[in-house]
Amino acid sequence: MATHTGTHLDAPIHFGGEDKWTVADIPLKNLINRPLAIVDVVDKAIHQLDYLATVRDLEEWEKINGNILKDSVVIIRTGWSQRWPNKLKYFGTETNDPKLAHFPGLHPKAAKWLVEQRQIVGVGIDGPSIDCGQCNGKDSHIILNSNNVYILENIEKSIFQLKSTGAMITILPLKLANASGCPVRPIAEYNHEHHDES
């Protein structure tokens, strides 16, 4: 079974070190009914293929929506999900050469800010990776995973049905022993009355 394909979760052990949580180790309280914050950077990413969401983007979001709550899941909405399944538009190249890839991500300083200032449990993006296509290394992966924060990647385009705030999210990975990742189906819920699936 491929564990890092489609909409999937990167467990903290993926880039955080052998002492960090595997998929099976992540506490259910970090996966079930977590406050969801969706930070939209579509207008910036459309003009800069390797745009990195910044601390300023997060602070501007908070001026409108209030502070990101502790133990939240934060999803960076870039618009890349709407480019799938066109490989060239989604990855920036039709080849498998990572040196030619172009897609947005999360700036390492923003990853650190989310961990230290907002104590979130998960971060997601509607693109191939939390680190941009032309990023050197996996800095945001390392910062998040080393703090036992999981990462959601390739979140599909139904994310555009969701509001910036007000939803609770549940992420249900299979309980795979010793796994560094797993496909997931995130479910966002408003007022416990209706569901929007990602």
C-alpha atoms as a PDB file:
ATOM      1  CA  MET A   1       0.000   0.000   0.000  1.00  0.00           C
ATOM      2  CA  ALA A   2       1.354   3.425  -0.970  1.00  0.00           C
ATOM      3  CA  THR A   3       1.347   5.585   2.152  1.00  0.00           C
ATOM      4  CA  HIS A   4       2.350   8.982   0.719  1.00  0.00           C
ATOM      5  CA  THR A   5      -0.036   9.372  -2.201  1.00  0.00           C
ATOM      6  CA  GLY A   6      -3.357  11.114  -2.760  1.00  0.00           C
ATOM      7  CA  THR A   7      -4.702  13.104   0.180  1.00  0.00           C
ATOM      8  CA  HIS A   8      -2.438  11.788   2.900  1.00  0.00           C
ATOM      9  CA  LEU A   9      -0.938  12.403   6.318  1.00  0.00           C
ATOM     10  CA  ASP A  10       2.783  12.710   7.036  1.00  0.00           C
ATOM     11  CA  ALA A  11       3.277  11.384  10.562  1.00  0.00           C
ATOM     12  CA  PRO A  12       5.844  13.169  12.755  1.00  0.00           C
ATOM     13  CA  ILE A  13       8.335  10.313  12.348  1.00  0.00           C
ATOM     14  CA  HIS A  14       8.506  11.078   8.600  1.00  0.00           C
ATOM     15  CA  PHE A  15      10.946  13.977   9.036  1.00  0.00           C
ATOM     16  CA  GLY A  16      10.981  14.442  12.802  1.00  0.00           C
ATOM     17  CA  GLY A  17      13.252  11.614  13.908  1.00  0.00           C
ATOM     18  CA  GLU A  18      12.835   8.042  15.089  1.00  0.00           C
ATOM     19  CA  ASP A  19      11.550   9.108  18.513  1.00  0.00           C
ATOM     20  CA  LYS A  20       8.538  10.941  17.031  1.00  0.00           C
ATOM     21  CA  TRP A  21       5.041   9.563  16.491  1.00  0.00           C
ATOM     22  CA  THR A  22       4.232   7.058  13.767  1.00  0.00           C
ATOM     23  CA  VAL A  23       0.746   7.083  12.230  1.00  0.00           C
ATOM     24  CA  ALA A  24      -0.434   4.636  14.901  1.00  0.00           C
ATOM     25  CA  ASP A  25       1.078   6.743  17.706  1.00  0.00           C
ATOM     26  CA  ILE A  26      -0.764   9.999  16.945  1.00  0.00           C
ATOM     27  CA  PRO A  27      -3.256  10.553  19.793  1.00  0.00           C
ATOM     28  CA  LEU A  28      -6.891  10.442  18.700  1.00  0.00           C
ATOM     29  CA  LYS A  29      -7.450  13.786  20.426  1.00  0.00           C
ATOM     30  CA  ASN A  30      -5.127  15.335  17.819  1.00  0.00           C
ATOM     31  CA  LEU A  31      -7.151  13.852  14.957  1.00  0.00           C
ATOM     32  CA  ILE A  32     -10.793  14.070  16.011  1.00  0.00           C
ATOM     33  CA  ASN A  33     -12.950  17.202  16.167  1.00  0.00           C
ATOM     34  CA  ARG A  34     -10.119  19.750  16.008  1.00  0.00           C
ATOM     35  CA  PRO A  35     -10.750  23.452  15.277  1.00  0.00           C
ATOM     36  CA  LEU A  36     -10.022  24.179  11.613  1.00  0.00           C
ATOM     37  CA  ALA A  37      -8.440  27.354  10.252  1.00  0.00           C
ATOM     38  CA  ILE A  38      -8.152  27.787   6.479  1.00  0.00           C
ATOM     39  CA  VAL A  39      -5.638  30.415   5.398  1.00  0.00           C
ATOM     40  CA  ASP A  40      -6.182  31.468   1.789  1.00  0.00           C
ATOM     41  CA  VAL A  41      -3.156  32.544  -0.267  1.00  0.00           C
ATOM     42  CA  VAL A  42      -4.647  31.815  -3.700  1.00  0.00           C
ATOM     43  CA  ASP A  43      -4.213  35.384  -4.971  1.00  0.00           C
ATOM     44  CA  LYS A  44      -0.506  35.321  -4.100  1.00  0.00           C
ATOM     45  CA  ALA A  45       0.264  31.789  -5.276  1.00  0.00           C
ATOM     46  CA  ILE A  46      -1.309  32.359  -8.688  1.00  0.00           C
ATOM     47  CA  HIS A  47       1.363  34.995  -9.417  1.00  0.00           C
ATOM     48  CA  GLN A  48       4.289  33.149  -7.810  1.00  0.00           C
ATOM     49  CA  LEU A  49       4.404  29.400  -8.458  1.00  0.00           C
ATOM     50  CA  ASP A  50       6.688  28.649  -5.506  1.00  0.00           C
ATOM     51  CA  TYR A  51       4.984  31.049  -3.097  1.00  0.00           C
ATOM     52  CA  LEU A  52       5.614  30.363   0.580  1.00  0.00           C
ATOM     53  CA  ALA A  53       2.838  31.307   3.002  1.00  0.00           C
ATOM     54  CA  THR A  54       4.379  33.651   5.565  1.00  0.00           C
ATOM     55  CA  VAL A  55       3.956  34.697   9.176  1.00  0.00           C
ATOM     56  CA  ARG A  56       2.461  37.911   7.803  1.00  0.00           C
ATOM     57  CA  ASP A  57      -0.182  35.895   5.932  1.00  0.00           C
ATOM     58  CA  LEU A  58      -1.094  34.187   9.208  1.00  0.00           C
ATOM     59  CA  GLU A  59      -1.179  37.464  11.123  1.00  0.00           C
ATOM     60  CA  GLU A  60      -3.369  39.081   8.455  1.00  0.00           C
ATOM     61  CA  TRP A  61      -5.729  36.097   8.668  1.00  0.00           C
ATOM     62  CA  GLU A  62      -5.925  36.559  12.446  1.00  0.00           C
ATOM     63  CA  LYS A  63      -6.787  40.258  12.120  1.00  0.00           C
ATOM     64  CA  ILE A  64      -9.954  39.187  10.312  1.00  0.00           C
ATOM     65  CA  ASN A  65     -10.778  35.887  12.002  1.00  0.00           C
ATOM     66  CA  GLY A  66      -9.236  36.061  15.476  1.00  0.00           C
ATOM     67  CA  ASN A  67      -6.324  34.064  16.810  1.00  0.00           C
ATOM     68  CA  ILE A  68      -5.757  30.511  15.631  1.00  0.00           C
ATOM     69  CA  LEU A  69      -6.853  28.312  18.516  1.00  0.00           C
ATOM     70  CA  LYS A  70      -4.528  25.978  20.396  1.00  0.00           C
ATOM     71  CA  ASP A  71      -4.700  22.361  19.125  1.00  0.00           C
ATOM     72  CA  SER A  72      -6.083  23.517  15.765  1.00  0.00           C
ATOM     73  CA  VAL A  73      -5.423  22.151  12.309  1.00  0.00           C
ATOM     74  CA  VAL A  74      -4.343  24.900   9.898  1.00  0.00           C
ATOM     75  CA  ILE A  75      -4.784  24.353   6.163  1.00  0.00           C
ATOM     76  CA  ILE A  76      -3.043  26.571   3.620  1.00  0.00           C
ATOM     77  CA  ARG A  77      -5.353  26.996   0.617  1.00  0.00           C
ATOM     78  CA  THR A  78      -3.247  27.780  -2.457  1.00  0.00           C
ATOM     79  CA  GLY A  79      -5.601  26.852  -5.287  1.00  0.00           C
ATOM     80  CA  TRP A  80      -3.333  24.034  -6.437  1.00  0.00           C
ATOM     81  CA  SER A  81      -6.037  21.429  -5.820  1.00  0.00           C
ATOM     82  CA  GLN A  82      -7.977  22.911  -8.740  1.00  0.00           C
ATOM     83  CA  ARG A  83      -5.061  22.110 -11.068  1.00  0.00           C
ATOM     84  CA  TRP A  84      -5.316  18.356 -10.493  1.00  0.00           C
ATOM     85  CA  PRO A  85      -5.166  15.988 -12.435  1.00  0.00           C
ATOM     86  CA  ASN A  86      -3.083  18.045 -14.905  1.00  0.00           C
ATOM     87  CA  LYS A  87       0.436  16.940 -13.932  1.00  0.00           C
ATOM     88  CA  LEU A  88       2.166  19.928 -15.538  1.00  0.00           C
ATOM     89  CA  LYS A  89      -0.061  22.470 -13.782  1.00  0.00           C
ATOM     90  CA  TYR A  90       0.007  20.645 -10.437  1.00  0.00           C
ATOM     91  CA  PHE A  91       3.693  19.742 -10.152  1.00  0.00           C
ATOM     92  CA  GLY A  92       5.099  22.365 -12.526  1.00  0.00           C
ATOM     93  CA  THR A  93       6.639  19.667 -14.707  1.00  0.00           C
ATOM     94  CA  GLU A  94       5.542  16.585 -16.613  1.00  0.00           C
ATOM     95  CA  THR A  95       8.751  14.813 -15.602  1.00  0.00           C
ATOM     96  CA  ASN A  96       9.595  13.173 -12.276  1.00  0.00           C
ATOM     97  CA  ASP A  97      12.621  15.432 -11.791  1.00  0.00           C
ATOM     98  CA  PRO A  98      12.142  17.312  -8.477  1.00  0.00           C
ATOM     99  CA  LYS A  99      14.554  20.016  -9.663  1.00  0.00           C
ATOM    100  CA  LEU A 100      11.921  21.094 -12.198  1.00  0.00           C
ATOM    101  CA  ALA A 101       8.984  21.128  -9.769  1.00  0.00           C
ATOM    102  CA  HIS A 102       7.028  24.316  -9.060  1.00  0.00           C
ATOM    103  CA  PHE A 103       4.274  24.573  -6.444  1.00  0.00           C
ATOM    104  CA  PRO A 104       3.635  26.661  -3.299  1.00  0.00           C
ATOM    105  CA  GLY A 105       4.269  25.747   0.324  1.00  0.00           C
ATOM    106  CA  LEU A 106       4.633  27.055   3.875  1.00  0.00           C
ATOM    107  CA  HIS A 107       7.606  29.209   4.860  1.00  0.00           C
ATOM    108  CA  PRO A 108       9.733  27.589   7.602  1.00  0.00           C
ATOM    109  CA  LYS A 109       9.385  30.729   9.744  1.00  0.00           C
ATOM    110  CA  ALA A 110       5.604  30.396   9.486  1.00  0.00           C
ATOM    111  CA  ALA A 111       5.834  26.709  10.418  1.00  0.00           C
ATOM    112  CA  LYS A 112       7.893  27.639  13.481  1.00  0.00           C
ATOM    113  CA  TRP A 113       5.433  30.416  14.393  1.00  0.00           C
ATOM    114  CA  LEU A 114       2.480  28.016  14.228  1.00  0.00           C
ATOM    115  CA  VAL A 115       4.278  25.532  16.475  1.00  0.00           C
ATOM    116  CA  GLU A 116       5.601  28.002  19.033  1.00  0.00           C
ATOM    117  CA  GLN A 117       2.964  30.738  19.072  1.00  0.00           C
ATOM    118  CA  ARG A 118      -0.238  28.796  18.353  1.00  0.00           C
ATOM    119  CA  GLN A 119       0.598  25.218  19.425  1.00  0.00           C
ATOM    120  CA  ILE A 120      -1.280  23.604  16.543  1.00  0.00           C
ATOM    121  CA  VAL A 121      -1.542  19.813  16.105  1.00  0.00           C
ATOM    122  CA  GLY A 122      -1.614  19.623  12.300  1.00  0.00           C
ATOM    123  CA  VAL A 123      -0.896  21.638   9.160  1.00  0.00           C
ATOM    124  CA  GLY A 124      -2.214  20.913   5.678  1.00  0.00           C
ATOM    125  CA  ILE A 125      -1.991  22.189   2.121  1.00  0.00           C
ATOM    126  CA  ASP A 126      -3.953  21.637  -1.090  1.00  0.00           C
ATOM    127  CA  GLY A 127      -0.756  20.921  -3.006  1.00  0.00           C
ATOM    128  CA  PRO A 128       1.915  18.249  -3.375  1.00  0.00           C
ATOM    129  CA  SER A 129       4.027  19.210  -0.347  1.00  0.00           C
ATOM    130  CA  ILE A 130       4.231  21.588   2.591  1.00  0.00           C
ATOM    131  CA  ASP A 131       7.683  22.568   1.248  1.00  0.00           C
ATOM    132  CA  CYS A 132       7.509  24.343  -2.115  1.00  0.00           C
ATOM    133  CA  GLY A 133       8.680  22.867  -5.397  1.00  0.00           C
ATOM    134  CA  GLN A 134      11.876  24.909  -5.472  1.00  0.00           C
ATOM    135  CA  CYS A 135      12.582  24.819  -1.733  1.00  0.00           C
ATOM    136  CA  ASN A 136      16.049  23.586  -0.835  1.00  0.00           C
ATOM    137  CA  GLY A 137      15.451  20.785   1.634  1.00  0.00           C
ATOM    138  CA  LYS A 138      12.437  19.942   3.753  1.00  0.00           C
ATOM    139  CA  ASP A 139      12.694  22.662   6.390  1.00  0.00           C
ATOM    140  CA  SER A 140       8.973  23.061   7.081  1.00  0.00           C
ATOM    141  CA  HIS A 141       8.521  19.283   7.233  1.00  0.00           C
ATOM    142  CA  ILE A 142      11.355  19.051   9.759  1.00  0.00           C
ATOM    143  CA  ILE A 143      10.104  21.907  11.951  1.00  0.00           C
ATOM    144  CA  LEU A 144       6.565  20.557  12.093  1.00  0.00           C
ATOM    145  CA  ASN A 145       7.348  16.850  12.381  1.00  0.00           C
ATOM    146  CA  SER A 146      10.084  17.346  14.992  1.00  0.00           C
ATOM    147  CA  ASN A 147       7.422  18.967  17.198  1.00  0.00           C
ATOM    148  CA  ASN A 148       5.029  16.019  16.707  1.00  0.00           C
ATOM    149  CA  VAL A 149       2.849  18.051  14.335  1.00  0.00           C
ATOM    150  CA  TYR A 150       1.406  16.003  11.483  1.00  0.00           C
ATOM    151  CA  ILE A 151       1.126  17.269   7.908  1.00  0.00           C
ATOM    152  CA  LEU A 152      -1.721  16.842   5.411  1.00  0.00           C
ATOM    153  CA  GLU A 153      -0.850  17.034   1.713  1.00  0.00           C
ATOM    154  CA  ASN A 154      -2.764  16.861  -1.577  1.00  0.00           C
ATOM    155  CA  ILE A 155      -6.000  18.040   0.046  1.00  0.00           C
ATOM    156  CA  GLU A 156      -8.529  17.978  -2.757  1.00  0.00           C
ATOM    157  CA  LYS A 157     -10.571  20.828  -4.199  1.00  0.00           C
ATOM    158  CA  SER A 158     -13.676  20.476  -2.017  1.00  0.00           C
ATOM    159  CA  ILE A 159     -11.646  22.613   0.396  1.00  0.00           C
ATOM    160  CA  PHE A 160     -13.062  25.568  -1.563  1.00  0.00           C
ATOM    161  CA  GLN A 161     -16.491  24.782  -0.095  1.00  0.00           C
ATOM    162  CA  LEU A 162     -15.207  25.572   3.393  1.00  0.00           C
ATOM    163  CA  LYS A 163     -15.185  28.881   5.255  1.00  0.00           C
ATOM    164  CA  SER A 164     -12.010  30.312   6.768  1.00  0.00           C
ATOM    165  CA  THR A 165     -13.097  29.411  10.277  1.00  0.00           C
ATOM    166  CA  GLY A 166     -15.931  27.852  12.243  1.00  0.00           C
ATOM    167  CA  ALA A 167     -15.531  24.201  11.277  1.00  0.00           C
ATOM    168  CA  MET A 168     -14.179  21.245  13.214  1.00  0.00           C
ATOM    169  CA  ILE A 169     -12.082  18.704  11.343  1.00  0.00           C
ATOM    170  CA  THR A 170     -11.602  14.979  11.813  1.00  0.00           C
ATOM    171  CA  ILE A 171      -8.798  13.095  10.068  1.00  0.00           C
ATOM    172  CA  LEU A 172      -8.948   9.305  10.039  1.00  0.00           C
ATOM    173  CA  PRO A 173      -5.765   7.478   8.995  1.00  0.00           C
ATOM    174  CA  LEU A 174      -5.524   3.710   9.166  1.00  0.00           C
ATOM    175  CA  LYS A 175      -3.728   2.545  12.300  1.00  0.00           C
ATOM    176  CA  LEU A 176      -0.644   1.324  10.447  1.00  0.00           C
ATOM    177  CA  ALA A 177       2.184   0.092  12.660  1.00  0.00           C
ATOM    178  CA  ASN A 178       5.523   1.863  12.169  1.00  0.00           C
ATOM    179  CA  ALA A 179       4.164   3.873   9.206  1.00  0.00           C
ATOM    180  CA  SER A 180       5.401   7.375   8.375  1.00  0.00           C
ATOM    181  CA  GLY A 181       2.288   8.218   6.347  1.00  0.00           C
ATOM    182  CA  CYS A 182      -1.186   7.121   5.340  1.00  0.00           C
ATOM    183  CA  PRO A 183      -3.966   8.162   2.937  1.00  0.00           C
ATOM    184  CA  VAL A 184      -6.743   9.982   4.808  1.00  0.00           C
ATOM    185  CA  ARG A 185     -10.226  11.359   4.280  1.00  0.00           C
ATOM    186  CA  PRO A 186     -10.607  14.610   6.219  1.00  0.00           C
ATOM    187  CA  ILE A 187     -14.145  15.509   7.290  1.00  0.00           C
ATOM    188  CA  ALA A 188     -15.106  19.079   8.218  1.00  0.00           C
ATOM    189  CA  GLU A 189     -18.215  19.692  10.292  1.00  0.00           C
ATOM    190  CA  TYR A 190     -20.210  22.828  11.130  1.00  0.00           C
ATOM    191  CA  ASN A 191     -22.541  22.950  14.143  1.00  0.00           C
ATOM    192  CA  HIS A 192     -22.779  19.137  14.173  1.00  0.00           C
ATOM    193  CA  GLU A 193     -25.515  19.394  11.543  1.00  0.00           C
ATOM    194  CA  HIS A 194     -23.911  18.811   8.140  1.00  0.00           C
ATOM    195  CA  HIS A 195     -20.621  17.541   6.749  1.00  0.00           C
ATOM    196  CA  ASP A 196     -18.302  18.800   4.037  1.00  0.00           C
ATOM    197  CA  GLU A 197     -15.803  16.171   2.944  1.00  0.00           C
ATOM    198  CA  SER A 198     -12.330  16.945   1.640  1.00  0.00           C
END
